Amino acid sequence: QIESASAVEIKGISGSEKLPFFQDLQTVEALSKEPWYLKTH
């Protein structure tokens, strides 16, 4: 509960060349864990 409550949701716009980076499973998992707790859209 603490981990999900402290997560920050980030929304952004990206060109097609950077989109695969933000959709990469390793990137999404790394950003969602400690110390960042970021959810990206």
PDB file of all heavy atoms in Angstrom:
ATOM      1  N   GLN A   1       0.822  -1.204   0.000  1.00  0.00           N
ATOM      2  CA  GLN A   1       0.000   0.000   0.000  1.00  0.00           C
ATOM      3  C   GLN A   1       0.860   1.260   0.000  1.00  0.00           C
ATOM      4  O   GLN A   1       0.539   2.240  -0.669  1.00  0.00           O
ATOM      5  CB  GLN A   1      -0.937   0.008   1.205  1.00  0.00           C
ATOM      6  CG  GLN A   1      -2.020  -1.022   1.119  1.00  0.00           C
ATOM      7  CD  GLN A   1      -2.881  -1.059   2.376  1.00  0.00           C
ATOM      8  OE1 GLN A   1      -2.635  -0.321   3.316  1.00  0.00           O
ATOM      9  NE2 GLN A   1      -3.871  -1.922   2.377  1.00  0.00           N
ATOM     10  N   ILE A   2       1.935   1.267   0.755  1.00  0.00           N
ATOM     11  CA  ILE A   2       2.814   2.429   0.800  1.00  0.00           C
ATOM     12  C   ILE A   2       3.451   2.655  -0.563  1.00  0.00           C
ATOM     13  O   ILE A   2       3.541   3.781  -1.046  1.00  0.00           O
ATOM     14  CB  ILE A   2       3.886   2.254   1.889  1.00  0.00           C
ATOM     15  CG1 ILE A   2       3.249   2.349   3.270  1.00  0.00           C
ATOM     16  CG2 ILE A   2       4.995   3.281   1.739  1.00  0.00           C
ATOM     17  CD1 ILE A   2       4.183   2.021   4.399  1.00  0.00           C
ATOM     18  N   GLU A   3       3.879   1.582  -1.197  1.00  0.00           N
ATOM     19  CA  GLU A   3       4.512   1.707  -2.505  1.00  0.00           C
ATOM     20  C   GLU A   3       3.540   2.260  -3.544  1.00  0.00           C
ATOM     21  O   GLU A   3       3.874   3.137  -4.308  1.00  0.00           O
ATOM     22  CB  GLU A   3       5.048   0.350  -2.952  1.00  0.00           C
ATOM     23  CG  GLU A   3       5.824   0.411  -4.240  1.00  0.00           C
ATOM     24  CD  GLU A   3       6.430  -0.929  -4.578  1.00  0.00           C
ATOM     25  OE1 GLU A   3       7.016  -1.552  -3.684  1.00  0.00           O
ATOM     26  OE2 GLU A   3       6.312  -1.338  -5.734  1.00  0.00           O
ATOM     27  N   SER A   4       2.308   1.767  -3.567  1.00  0.00           N
ATOM     28  CA  SER A   4       1.346   2.234  -4.558  1.00  0.00           C
ATOM     29  C   SER A   4       0.853   3.641  -4.232  1.00  0.00           C
ATOM     30  O   SER A   4       0.530   4.411  -5.123  1.00  0.00           O
ATOM     31  CB  SER A   4       0.168   1.271  -4.665  1.00  0.00           C
ATOM     32  OG  SER A   4      -0.570   1.259  -3.468  1.00  0.00           O
ATOM     33  N   ALA A   5       0.785   3.999  -2.957  1.00  0.00           N
ATOM     34  CA  ALA A   5       0.328   5.338  -2.576  1.00  0.00           C
ATOM     35  C   ALA A   5       1.375   6.395  -2.872  1.00  0.00           C
ATOM     36  O   ALA A   5       1.041   7.544  -3.136  1.00  0.00           O
ATOM     37  CB  ALA A   5      -0.043   5.363  -1.100  1.00  0.00           C
ATOM     38  N   SER A   6       2.639   6.031  -2.844  1.00  0.00           N
ATOM     39  CA  SER A   6       3.685   7.010  -3.069  1.00  0.00           C
ATOM     40  C   SER A   6       4.043   7.156  -4.553  1.00  0.00           C
ATOM     41  O   SER A   6       4.878   7.972  -4.903  1.00  0.00           O
ATOM     42  CB  SER A   6       4.936   6.639  -2.272  1.00  0.00           C
ATOM     43  OG  SER A   6       5.443   5.406  -2.717  1.00  0.00           O
ATOM     44  N   ALA A   7       3.428   6.374  -5.417  1.00  0.00           N
ATOM     45  CA  ALA A   7       3.722   6.443  -6.841  1.00  0.00           C
ATOM     46  C   ALA A   7       3.177   7.746  -7.437  1.00  0.00           C
ATOM     47  O   ALA A   7       2.105   8.209  -7.099  1.00  0.00           O
ATOM     48  CB  ALA A   7       3.112   5.261  -7.574  1.00  0.00           C
ATOM     49  N   VAL A   8       3.970   8.334  -8.322  1.00  0.00           N
ATOM     50  CA  VAL A   8       3.597   9.565  -9.004  1.00  0.00           C
ATOM     51  C   VAL A   8       3.337   9.235 -10.465  1.00  0.00           C
ATOM     52  O   VAL A   8       4.120   8.540 -11.104  1.00  0.00           O
ATOM     53  CB  VAL A   8       4.726  10.614  -8.898  1.00  0.00           C
ATOM     54  CG1 VAL A   8       4.387  11.863  -9.682  1.00  0.00           C
ATOM     55  CG2 VAL A   8       4.995  10.946  -7.445  1.00  0.00           C
ATOM     56  N   GLU A   9       2.226   9.718 -10.979  1.00  0.00           N
ATOM     57  CA  GLU A   9       1.877   9.459 -12.379  1.00  0.00           C
ATOM     58  C   GLU A   9       2.378  10.616 -13.235  1.00  0.00           C
ATOM     59  O   GLU A   9       2.103  11.778 -12.950  1.00  0.00           O
ATOM     60  CB  GLU A   9       0.369   9.320 -12.524  1.00  0.00           C
ATOM     61  CG  GLU A   9      -0.053   8.884 -13.892  1.00  0.00           C
ATOM     62  CD  GLU A   9      -1.538   8.584 -13.958  1.00  0.00           C
ATOM     63  OE1 GLU A   9      -2.111   8.169 -12.946  1.00  0.00           O
ATOM     64  OE2 GLU A   9      -2.102   8.787 -15.042  1.00  0.00           O
ATOM     65  N   ILE A  10       3.106  10.267 -14.290  1.00  0.00           N
ATOM     66  CA  ILE A  10       3.660  11.262 -15.207  1.00  0.00           C
ATOM     67  C   ILE A  10       3.052  11.029 -16.579  1.00  0.00           C
ATOM     68  O   ILE A  10       3.069   9.916 -17.095  1.00  0.00           O
ATOM     69  CB  ILE A  10       5.189  11.151 -15.290  1.00  0.00           C
ATOM     70  CG1 ILE A  10       5.803  11.446 -13.936  1.00  0.00           C
ATOM     71  CG2 ILE A  10       5.742  12.083 -16.344  1.00  0.00           C
ATOM     72  CD1 ILE A  10       7.291  11.297 -13.909  1.00  0.00           C
ATOM     73  N   LYS A  11       2.501  12.092 -17.158  1.00  0.00           N
ATOM     74  CA  LYS A  11       1.947  12.018 -18.512  1.00  0.00           C
ATOM     75  C   LYS A  11       2.790  12.906 -19.417  1.00  0.00           C
ATOM     76  O   LYS A  11       3.188  14.005 -19.031  1.00  0.00           O
ATOM     77  CB  LYS A  11       0.499  12.496 -18.528  1.00  0.00           C
ATOM     78  CG  LYS A  11      -0.427  11.617 -17.729  1.00  0.00           C
ATOM     79  CD  LYS A  11      -1.851  12.109 -17.789  1.00  0.00           C
ATOM     80  CE  LYS A  11      -2.740  11.219 -16.953  1.00  0.00           C
ATOM     81  NZ  LYS A  11      -4.128  11.674 -16.965  1.00  0.00           N
ATOM     82  N   GLY A  12       3.059  12.421 -20.614  1.00  0.00           N
ATOM     83  CA  GLY A  12       3.885  13.190 -21.519  1.00  0.00           C
ATOM     84  C   GLY A  12       3.631  12.863 -22.970  1.00  0.00           C
ATOM     85  O   GLY A  12       2.859  11.964 -23.313  1.00  0.00           O
ATOM     86  N   ILE A  13       4.292  13.610 -23.818  1.00  0.00           N
ATOM     87  CA  ILE A  13       4.196  13.454 -25.267  1.00  0.00           C
ATOM     88  C   ILE A  13       5.599  13.185 -25.783  1.00  0.00           C
ATOM     89  O   ILE A  13       6.557  13.819 -25.344  1.00  0.00           O
ATOM     90  CB  ILE A  13       3.646  14.737 -25.917  1.00  0.00           C
ATOM     91  CG1 ILE A  13       2.317  15.108 -25.281  1.00  0.00           C
ATOM     92  CG2 ILE A  13       3.495  14.562 -27.406  1.00  0.00           C
ATOM     93  CD1 ILE A  13       1.894  16.522 -25.569  1.00  0.00           C
ATOM     94  N   SER A  14       5.719  12.261 -26.714  1.00  0.00           N
ATOM     95  CA  SER A  14       7.031  11.916 -27.235  1.00  0.00           C
ATOM     96  C   SER A  14       6.938  11.684 -28.731  1.00  0.00           C
ATOM     97  O   SER A  14       5.910  11.254 -29.246  1.00  0.00           O
ATOM     98  CB  SER A  14       7.544  10.649 -26.555  1.00  0.00           C
ATOM     99  OG  SER A  14       8.756  10.229 -27.144  1.00  0.00           O
ATOM    100  N   GLY A  15       8.031  11.963 -29.375  1.00  0.00           N
ATOM    101  CA  GLY A  15       8.136  11.632 -30.785  1.00  0.00           C
ATOM    102  C   GLY A  15       8.298  10.131 -30.955  1.00  0.00           C
ATOM    103  O   GLY A  15       8.580   9.398 -30.005  1.00  0.00           O
ATOM    104  N   SER A  16       8.142   9.658 -32.160  1.00  0.00           N
ATOM    105  CA  SER A  16       8.165   8.218 -32.408  1.00  0.00           C
ATOM    106  C   SER A  16       9.526   7.592 -32.117  1.00  0.00           C
ATOM    107  O   SER A  16       9.612   6.409 -31.807  1.00  0.00           O
ATOM    108  CB  SER A  16       7.774   7.934 -33.857  1.00  0.00           C
ATOM    109  OG  SER A  16       8.671   8.583 -34.736  1.00  0.00           O
ATOM    110  N   GLU A  17      10.605   8.373 -32.174  1.00  0.00           N
ATOM    111  CA  GLU A  17      11.927   7.803 -31.946  1.00  0.00           C
ATOM    112  C   GLU A  17      12.202   7.510 -30.469  1.00  0.00           C
ATOM    113  O   GLU A  17      13.007   6.654 -30.144  1.00  0.00           O
ATOM    114  CB  GLU A  17      13.025   8.715 -32.507  1.00  0.00           C
ATOM    115  CG  GLU A  17      13.173  10.062 -31.798  1.00  0.00           C
ATOM    116  CD  GLU A  17      12.169  11.111 -32.251  1.00  0.00           C
ATOM    117  OE1 GLU A  17      11.466  10.894 -33.241  1.00  0.00           O
ATOM    118  OE2 GLU A  17      12.102  12.163 -31.585  1.00  0.00           O
ATOM    119  N   LYS A  18      11.525   8.187 -29.553  1.00  0.00           N
ATOM    120  CA  LYS A  18      11.744   7.965 -28.119  1.00  0.00           C
ATOM    121  C   LYS A  18      10.649   7.108 -27.481  1.00  0.00           C
ATOM    122  O   LYS A  18      10.797   6.656 -26.349  1.00  0.00           O
ATOM    123  CB  LYS A  18      11.833   9.299 -27.391  1.00  0.00           C
ATOM    124  CG  LYS A  18      13.063  10.082 -27.774  1.00  0.00           C
ATOM    125  CD  LYS A  18      13.053  11.438 -27.134  1.00  0.00           C
ATOM    126  CE  LYS A  18      14.155  12.300 -27.651  1.00  0.00           C
ATOM    127  NZ  LYS A  18      13.901  12.831 -28.975  1.00  0.00           N
ATOM    128  N   LEU A  19       9.582   6.879 -28.179  1.00  0.00           N
ATOM    129  CA  LEU A  19       8.460   6.122 -27.638  1.00  0.00           C
ATOM    130  C   LEU A  19       8.836   4.690 -27.255  1.00  0.00           C
ATOM    131  O   LEU A  19       8.422   4.228 -26.185  1.00  0.00           O
ATOM    132  CB  LEU A  19       7.298   6.127 -28.630  1.00  0.00           C
ATOM    133  CG  LEU A  19       5.964   5.653 -28.089  1.00  0.00           C
ATOM    134  CD1 LEU A  19       5.508   6.530 -26.932  1.00  0.00           C
ATOM    135  CD2 LEU A  19       4.928   5.665 -29.189  1.00  0.00           C
ATOM    136  N   PRO A  20       9.618   3.962 -28.047  1.00  0.00           N
ATOM    137  CA  PRO A  20       9.981   2.590 -27.635  1.00  0.00           C
ATOM    138  C   PRO A  20      10.726   2.546 -26.294  1.00  0.00           C
ATOM    139  O   PRO A  20      10.585   1.594 -25.542  1.00  0.00           O
ATOM    140  CB  PRO A  20      10.878   2.094 -28.765  1.00  0.00           C
ATOM    141  CG  PRO A  20      10.463   2.885 -29.942  1.00  0.00           C
ATOM    142  CD  PRO A  20      10.083   4.241 -29.403  1.00  0.00           C
ATOM    143  N   PHE A  21      11.496   3.581 -25.978  1.00  0.00           N
ATOM    144  CA  PHE A  21      12.194   3.622 -24.696  1.00  0.00           C
ATOM    145  C   PHE A  21      11.197   3.642 -23.541  1.00  0.00           C
ATOM    146  O   PHE A  21      11.344   2.910 -22.562  1.00  0.00           O
ATOM    147  CB  PHE A  21      13.099   4.857 -24.623  1.00  0.00           C
ATOM    148  CG  PHE A  21      13.706   5.055 -23.260  1.00  0.00           C
ATOM    149  CD1 PHE A  21      14.753   4.267 -22.823  1.00  0.00           C
ATOM    150  CD2 PHE A  21      13.224   6.043 -22.413  1.00  0.00           C
ATOM    151  CE1 PHE A  21      15.308   4.453 -21.568  1.00  0.00           C
ATOM    152  CE2 PHE A  21      13.768   6.227 -21.157  1.00  0.00           C
ATOM    153  CZ  PHE A  21      14.814   5.436 -20.729  1.00  0.00           C
ATOM    154  N   PHE A  22      10.167   4.469 -23.640  1.00  0.00           N
ATOM    155  CA  PHE A  22       9.192   4.582 -22.567  1.00  0.00           C
ATOM    156  C   PHE A  22       8.215   3.409 -22.530  1.00  0.00           C
ATOM    157  O   PHE A  22       7.540   3.202 -21.528  1.00  0.00           O
ATOM    158  CB  PHE A  22       8.418   5.899 -22.688  1.00  0.00           C
ATOM    159  CG  PHE A  22       9.255   7.086 -22.311  1.00  0.00           C
ATOM    160  CD1 PHE A  22       9.732   7.942 -23.283  1.00  0.00           C
ATOM    161  CD2 PHE A  22       9.566   7.342 -20.991  1.00  0.00           C
ATOM    162  CE1 PHE A  22      10.501   9.038 -22.941  1.00  0.00           C
ATOM    163  CE2 PHE A  22      10.337   8.430 -20.630  1.00  0.00           C
ATOM    164  CZ  PHE A  22      10.809   9.278 -21.612  1.00  0.00           C
ATOM    165  N   GLN A  23       8.135   2.640 -23.592  1.00  0.00           N
ATOM    166  CA  GLN A  23       7.277   1.461 -23.620  1.00  0.00           C
ATOM    167  C   GLN A  23       8.038   0.183 -23.282  1.00  0.00           C
ATOM    168  O   GLN A  23       7.424  -0.863 -23.101  1.00  0.00           O
ATOM    169  CB  GLN A  23       6.614   1.315 -24.992  1.00  0.00           C
ATOM    170  CG  GLN A  23       5.605   2.389 -25.276  1.00  0.00           C
ATOM    171  CD  GLN A  23       5.012   2.266 -26.670  1.00  0.00           C
ATOM    172  OE1 GLN A  23       5.614   1.681 -27.568  1.00  0.00           O
ATOM    173  NE2 GLN A  23       3.832   2.832 -26.854  1.00  0.00           N
ATOM    174  N   ASP A  24       9.361   0.273 -23.178  1.00  0.00           N
ATOM    175  CA  ASP A  24      10.184  -0.880 -22.853  1.00  0.00           C
ATOM    176  C   ASP A  24       9.852  -1.381 -21.456  1.00  0.00           C
ATOM    177  O   ASP A  24       9.751  -0.601 -20.508  1.00  0.00           O
ATOM    178  CB  ASP A  24      11.659  -0.505 -22.941  1.00  0.00           C
ATOM    179  CG  ASP A  24      12.562  -1.687 -22.667  1.00  0.00           C
ATOM    180  OD1 ASP A  24      12.336  -2.748 -23.271  1.00  0.00           O
ATOM    181  OD2 ASP A  24      13.485  -1.540 -21.842  1.00  0.00           O
ATOM    182  N   LEU A  25       9.655  -2.681 -21.320  1.00  0.00           N
ATOM    183  CA  LEU A  25       9.243  -3.276 -20.049  1.00  0.00           C
ATOM    184  C   LEU A  25      10.269  -3.040 -18.946  1.00  0.00           C
ATOM    185  O   LEU A  25       9.907  -2.754 -17.803  1.00  0.00           O
ATOM    186  CB  LEU A  25       8.994  -4.775 -20.234  1.00  0.00           C
ATOM    187  CG  LEU A  25       8.194  -5.473 -19.161  1.00  0.00           C
ATOM    188  CD1 LEU A  25       6.843  -4.799 -18.979  1.00  0.00           C
ATOM    189  CD2 LEU A  25       8.007  -6.922 -19.510  1.00  0.00           C
ATOM    190  N   GLN A  26      11.554  -3.114 -19.277  1.00  0.00           N
ATOM    191  CA  GLN A  26      12.598  -2.872 -18.278  1.00  0.00           C
ATOM    192  C   GLN A  26      12.582  -1.424 -17.801  1.00  0.00           C
ATOM    193  O   GLN A  26      12.772  -1.154 -16.614  1.00  0.00           O
ATOM    194  CB  GLN A  26      13.969  -3.214 -18.839  1.00  0.00           C
ATOM    195  CG  GLN A  26      14.198  -4.697 -19.007  1.00  0.00           C
ATOM    196  CD  GLN A  26      15.563  -4.996 -19.571  1.00  0.00           C
ATOM    197  OE1 GLN A  26      16.188  -4.161 -20.221  1.00  0.00           O
ATOM    198  NE2 GLN A  26      16.055  -6.211 -19.333  1.00  0.00           N
ATOM    199  N   THR A  27      12.346  -0.481 -18.703  1.00  0.00           N
ATOM    200  CA  THR A  27      12.274   0.930 -18.326  1.00  0.00           C
ATOM    201  C   THR A  27      11.078   1.179 -17.425  1.00  0.00           C
ATOM    202  O   THR A  27      11.191   1.852 -16.398  1.00  0.00           O
ATOM    203  CB  THR A  27      12.182   1.816 -19.580  1.00  0.00           C
ATOM    204  OG1 THR A  27      13.310   1.561 -20.417  1.00  0.00           O
ATOM    205  CG2 THR A  27      12.145   3.284 -19.216  1.00  0.00           C
ATOM    206  N   VAL A  28       9.921   0.647 -17.794  1.00  0.00           N
ATOM    207  CA  VAL A  28       8.700   0.838 -17.001  1.00  0.00           C
ATOM    208  C   VAL A  28       8.883   0.263 -15.596  1.00  0.00           C
ATOM    209  O   VAL A  28       8.538   0.902 -14.599  1.00  0.00           O
ATOM    210  CB  VAL A  28       7.485   0.199 -17.713  1.00  0.00           C
ATOM    211  CG1 VAL A  28       6.270   0.199 -16.822  1.00  0.00           C
ATOM    212  CG2 VAL A  28       7.198   0.930 -19.009  1.00  0.00           C
ATOM    213  N   GLU A  29       9.460  -0.928 -15.510  1.00  0.00           N
ATOM    214  CA  GLU A  29       9.681  -1.547 -14.203  1.00  0.00           C
ATOM    215  C   GLU A  29      10.700  -0.774 -13.374  1.00  0.00           C
ATOM    216  O   GLU A  29      10.531  -0.599 -12.174  1.00  0.00           O
ATOM    217  CB  GLU A  29      10.139  -2.990 -14.370  1.00  0.00           C
ATOM    218  CG  GLU A  29       9.041  -3.922 -14.827  1.00  0.00           C
ATOM    219  CD  GLU A  29       9.531  -5.348 -15.035  1.00  0.00           C
ATOM    220  OE1 GLU A  29      10.705  -5.642 -14.716  1.00  0.00           O
ATOM    221  OE2 GLU A  29       8.735  -6.164 -15.512  1.00  0.00           O
ATOM    222  N   ALA A  30      11.770  -0.301 -14.009  1.00  0.00           N
ATOM    223  CA  ALA A  30      12.798   0.442 -13.274  1.00  0.00           C
ATOM    224  C   ALA A  30      12.255   1.757 -12.732  1.00  0.00           C
ATOM    225  O   ALA A  30      12.573   2.148 -11.608  1.00  0.00           O
ATOM    226  CB  ALA A  30      13.997   0.702 -14.184  1.00  0.00           C
ATOM    227  N   LEU A  31      11.435   2.442 -13.511  1.00  0.00           N
ATOM    228  CA  LEU A  31      10.881   3.716 -13.054  1.00  0.00           C
ATOM    229  C   LEU A  31       9.820   3.531 -11.981  1.00  0.00           C
ATOM    230  O   LEU A  31       9.600   4.425 -11.168  1.00  0.00           O
ATOM    231  CB  LEU A  31      10.296   4.491 -14.245  1.00  0.00           C
ATOM    232  CG  LEU A  31      11.298   5.040 -15.239  1.00  0.00           C
ATOM    233  CD1 LEU A  31      10.582   5.656 -16.431  1.00  0.00           C
ATOM    234  CD2 LEU A  31      12.214   6.065 -14.591  1.00  0.00           C
ATOM    235  N   SER A  32       9.166   2.378 -11.971  1.00  0.00           N
ATOM    236  CA  SER A  32       8.094   2.166 -10.993  1.00  0.00           C
ATOM    237  C   SER A  32       8.610   1.702  -9.637  1.00  0.00           C
ATOM    238  O   SER A  32       7.865   1.669  -8.670  1.00  0.00           O
ATOM    239  CB  SER A  32       7.082   1.158 -11.527  1.00  0.00           C
ATOM    240  OG  SER A  32       7.673  -0.126 -11.613  1.00  0.00           O
ATOM    241  N   LYS A  33       9.889   1.370  -9.540  1.00  0.00           N
ATOM    242  CA  LYS A  33      10.456   0.866  -8.286  1.00  0.00           C
ATOM    243  C   LYS A  33      11.166   1.984  -7.522  1.00  0.00           C
ATOM    244  O   LYS A  33      11.263   3.118  -7.967  1.00  0.00           O
ATOM    245  CB  LYS A  33      11.437  -0.264  -8.576  1.00  0.00           C
ATOM    246  CG  LYS A  33      10.777  -1.507  -9.112  1.00  0.00           C
ATOM    247  CD  LYS A  33      11.785  -2.591  -9.347  1.00  0.00           C
ATOM    248  CE  LYS A  33      11.114  -3.826  -9.932  1.00  0.00           C
ATOM    249  NZ  LYS A  33      12.077  -4.867 -10.227  1.00  0.00           N
ATOM    250  N   GLU A  34      11.660   1.602  -6.362  1.00  0.00           N
ATOM    251  CA  GLU A  34      12.401   2.513  -5.497  1.00  0.00           C
ATOM    252  C   GLU A  34      13.625   3.019  -6.221  1.00  0.00           C
ATOM    253  O   GLU A  34      14.261   2.261  -6.923  1.00  0.00           O
ATOM    254  CB  GLU A  34      12.805   1.749  -4.227  1.00  0.00           C
ATOM    255  CG  GLU A  34      13.287   2.617  -3.133  1.00  0.00           C
ATOM    256  CD  GLU A  34      13.546   1.826  -1.849  1.00  0.00           C
ATOM    257  OE1 GLU A  34      13.152   0.657  -1.747  1.00  0.00           O
ATOM    258  OE2 GLU A  34      14.157   2.395  -0.973  1.00  0.00           O
ATOM    259  N   PRO A  35      14.042   4.207  -6.154  1.00  0.00           N
ATOM    260  CA  PRO A  35      13.566   5.321  -5.338  1.00  0.00           C
ATOM    261  C   PRO A  35      12.580   6.235  -6.060  1.00  0.00           C
ATOM    262  O   PRO A  35      12.144   7.226  -5.501  1.00  0.00           O
ATOM    263  CB  PRO A  35      14.854   6.083  -5.037  1.00  0.00           C
ATOM    264  CG  PRO A  35      15.657   5.923  -6.289  1.00  0.00           C
ATOM    265  CD  PRO A  35      15.322   4.523  -6.782  1.00  0.00           C
ATOM    266  N   TRP A  36      12.206   5.913  -7.323  1.00  0.00           N
ATOM    267  CA  TRP A  36      11.400   6.855  -8.094  1.00  0.00           C
ATOM    268  C   TRP A  36       9.903   6.673  -7.933  1.00  0.00           C
ATOM    269  O   TRP A  36       9.166   7.628  -7.812  1.00  0.00           O
ATOM    270  CB  TRP A  36      11.773   6.778  -9.584  1.00  0.00           C
ATOM    271  CG  TRP A  36      13.197   7.158  -9.799  1.00  0.00           C
ATOM    272  CD1 TRP A  36      13.730   8.401  -9.703  1.00  0.00           C
ATOM    273  CD2 TRP A  36      14.278   6.293 -10.105  1.00  0.00           C
ATOM    274  NE1 TRP A  36      15.078   8.364  -9.936  1.00  0.00           N
ATOM    275  CE2 TRP A  36      15.449   7.074 -10.193  1.00  0.00           C
ATOM    276  CE3 TRP A  36      14.375   4.940 -10.323  1.00  0.00           C
ATOM    277  CZ2 TRP A  36      16.688   6.552 -10.477  1.00  0.00           C
ATOM    278  CZ3 TRP A  36      15.619   4.412 -10.606  1.00  0.00           C
ATOM    279  CH2 TRP A  36      16.750   5.221 -10.681  1.00  0.00           C
ATOM    280  N   TYR A  37       9.395   5.478  -8.028  1.00  0.00           N
ATOM    281  CA  TYR A  37       7.958   5.183  -7.968  1.00  0.00           C
ATOM    282  C   TYR A  37       7.171   6.010  -8.995  1.00  0.00           C
ATOM    283  O   TYR A  37       6.220   6.685  -8.662  1.00  0.00           O
ATOM    284  CB  TYR A  37       7.393   5.426  -6.561  1.00  0.00           C
ATOM    285  CG  TYR A  37       8.015   4.566  -5.499  1.00  0.00           C
ATOM    286  CD1 TYR A  37       8.759   5.125  -4.478  1.00  0.00           C
ATOM    287  CD2 TYR A  37       7.841   3.190  -5.523  1.00  0.00           C
ATOM    288  CE1 TYR A  37       9.327   4.330  -3.498  1.00  0.00           C
ATOM    289  CE2 TYR A  37       8.406   2.391  -4.541  1.00  0.00           C
ATOM    290  CZ  TYR A  37       9.146   2.967  -3.532  1.00  0.00           C
ATOM    291  OH  TYR A  37       9.702   2.179  -2.567  1.00  0.00           O
ATOM    292  N   LEU A  38       7.603   5.970 -10.235  1.00  0.00           N
ATOM    293  CA  LEU A  38       6.945   6.735 -11.299  1.00  0.00           C
ATOM    294  C   LEU A  38       6.134   5.810 -12.200  1.00  0.00           C
ATOM    295  O   LEU A  38       6.596   4.750 -12.605  1.00  0.00           O
ATOM    296  CB  LEU A  38       7.993   7.460 -12.155  1.00  0.00           C
ATOM    297  CG  LEU A  38       8.871   8.463 -11.435  1.00  0.00           C
ATOM    298  CD1 LEU A  38       9.934   8.995 -12.387  1.00  0.00           C
ATOM    299  CD2 LEU A  38       8.053   9.588 -10.870  1.00  0.00           C
ATOM    300  N   LYS A  39       4.912   6.235 -12.509  1.00  0.00           N
ATOM    301  CA  LYS A  39       4.078   5.553 -13.493  1.00  0.00           C
ATOM    302  C   LYS A  39       4.017   6.469 -14.706  1.00  0.00           C
ATOM    303  O   LYS A  39       3.570   7.615 -14.608  1.00  0.00           O
ATOM    304  CB  LYS A  39       2.675   5.308 -12.939  1.00  0.00           C
ATOM    305  CG  LYS A  39       2.639   4.340 -11.797  1.00  0.00           C
ATOM    306  CD  LYS A  39       1.219   4.117 -11.321  1.00  0.00           C
ATOM    307  CE  LYS A  39       1.190   3.175 -10.152  1.00  0.00           C
ATOM    308  NZ  LYS A  39      -0.176   2.969  -9.658  1.00  0.00           N
ATOM    309  N   THR A  40       4.460   5.982 -15.841  1.00  0.00           N
ATOM    310  CA  THR A  40       4.533   6.826 -17.028  1.00  0.00           C
ATOM    311  C   THR A  40       3.426   6.499 -18.018  1.00  0.00           C
ATOM    312  O   THR A  40       3.079   5.337 -18.224  1.00  0.00           O
ATOM    313  CB  THR A  40       5.896   6.653 -17.737  1.00  0.00           C
ATOM    314  OG1 THR A  40       6.080   5.287 -18.067  1.00  0.00           O
ATOM    315  CG2 THR A  40       7.036   7.105 -16.847  1.00  0.00           C
ATOM    316  N   HIS A  41       2.874   7.545 -18.609  1.00  0.00           N
ATOM    317  CA  HIS A  41       1.890   7.434 -19.689  1.00  0.00           C
ATOM    318  C   HIS A  41       2.358   8.393 -20.784  1.00  0.00           C
ATOM    319  O   HIS A  41       2.295   9.602 -20.624  1.00  0.00           O
ATOM    320  CB  HIS A  41       0.494   7.825 -19.212  1.00  0.00           C
ATOM    321  CG  HIS A  41      -0.019   6.953 -18.128  1.00  0.00           C
ATOM    322  ND1 HIS A  41      -0.556   5.708 -18.371  1.00  0.00           N
ATOM    323  CD2 HIS A  41      -0.075   7.122 -16.792  1.00  0.00           C
ATOM    324  CE1 HIS A  41      -0.914   5.158 -17.235  1.00  0.00           C
ATOM    325  NE2 HIS A  41      -0.633   5.998 -16.261  1.00  0.00           N
TER     326      HIS A  41
END
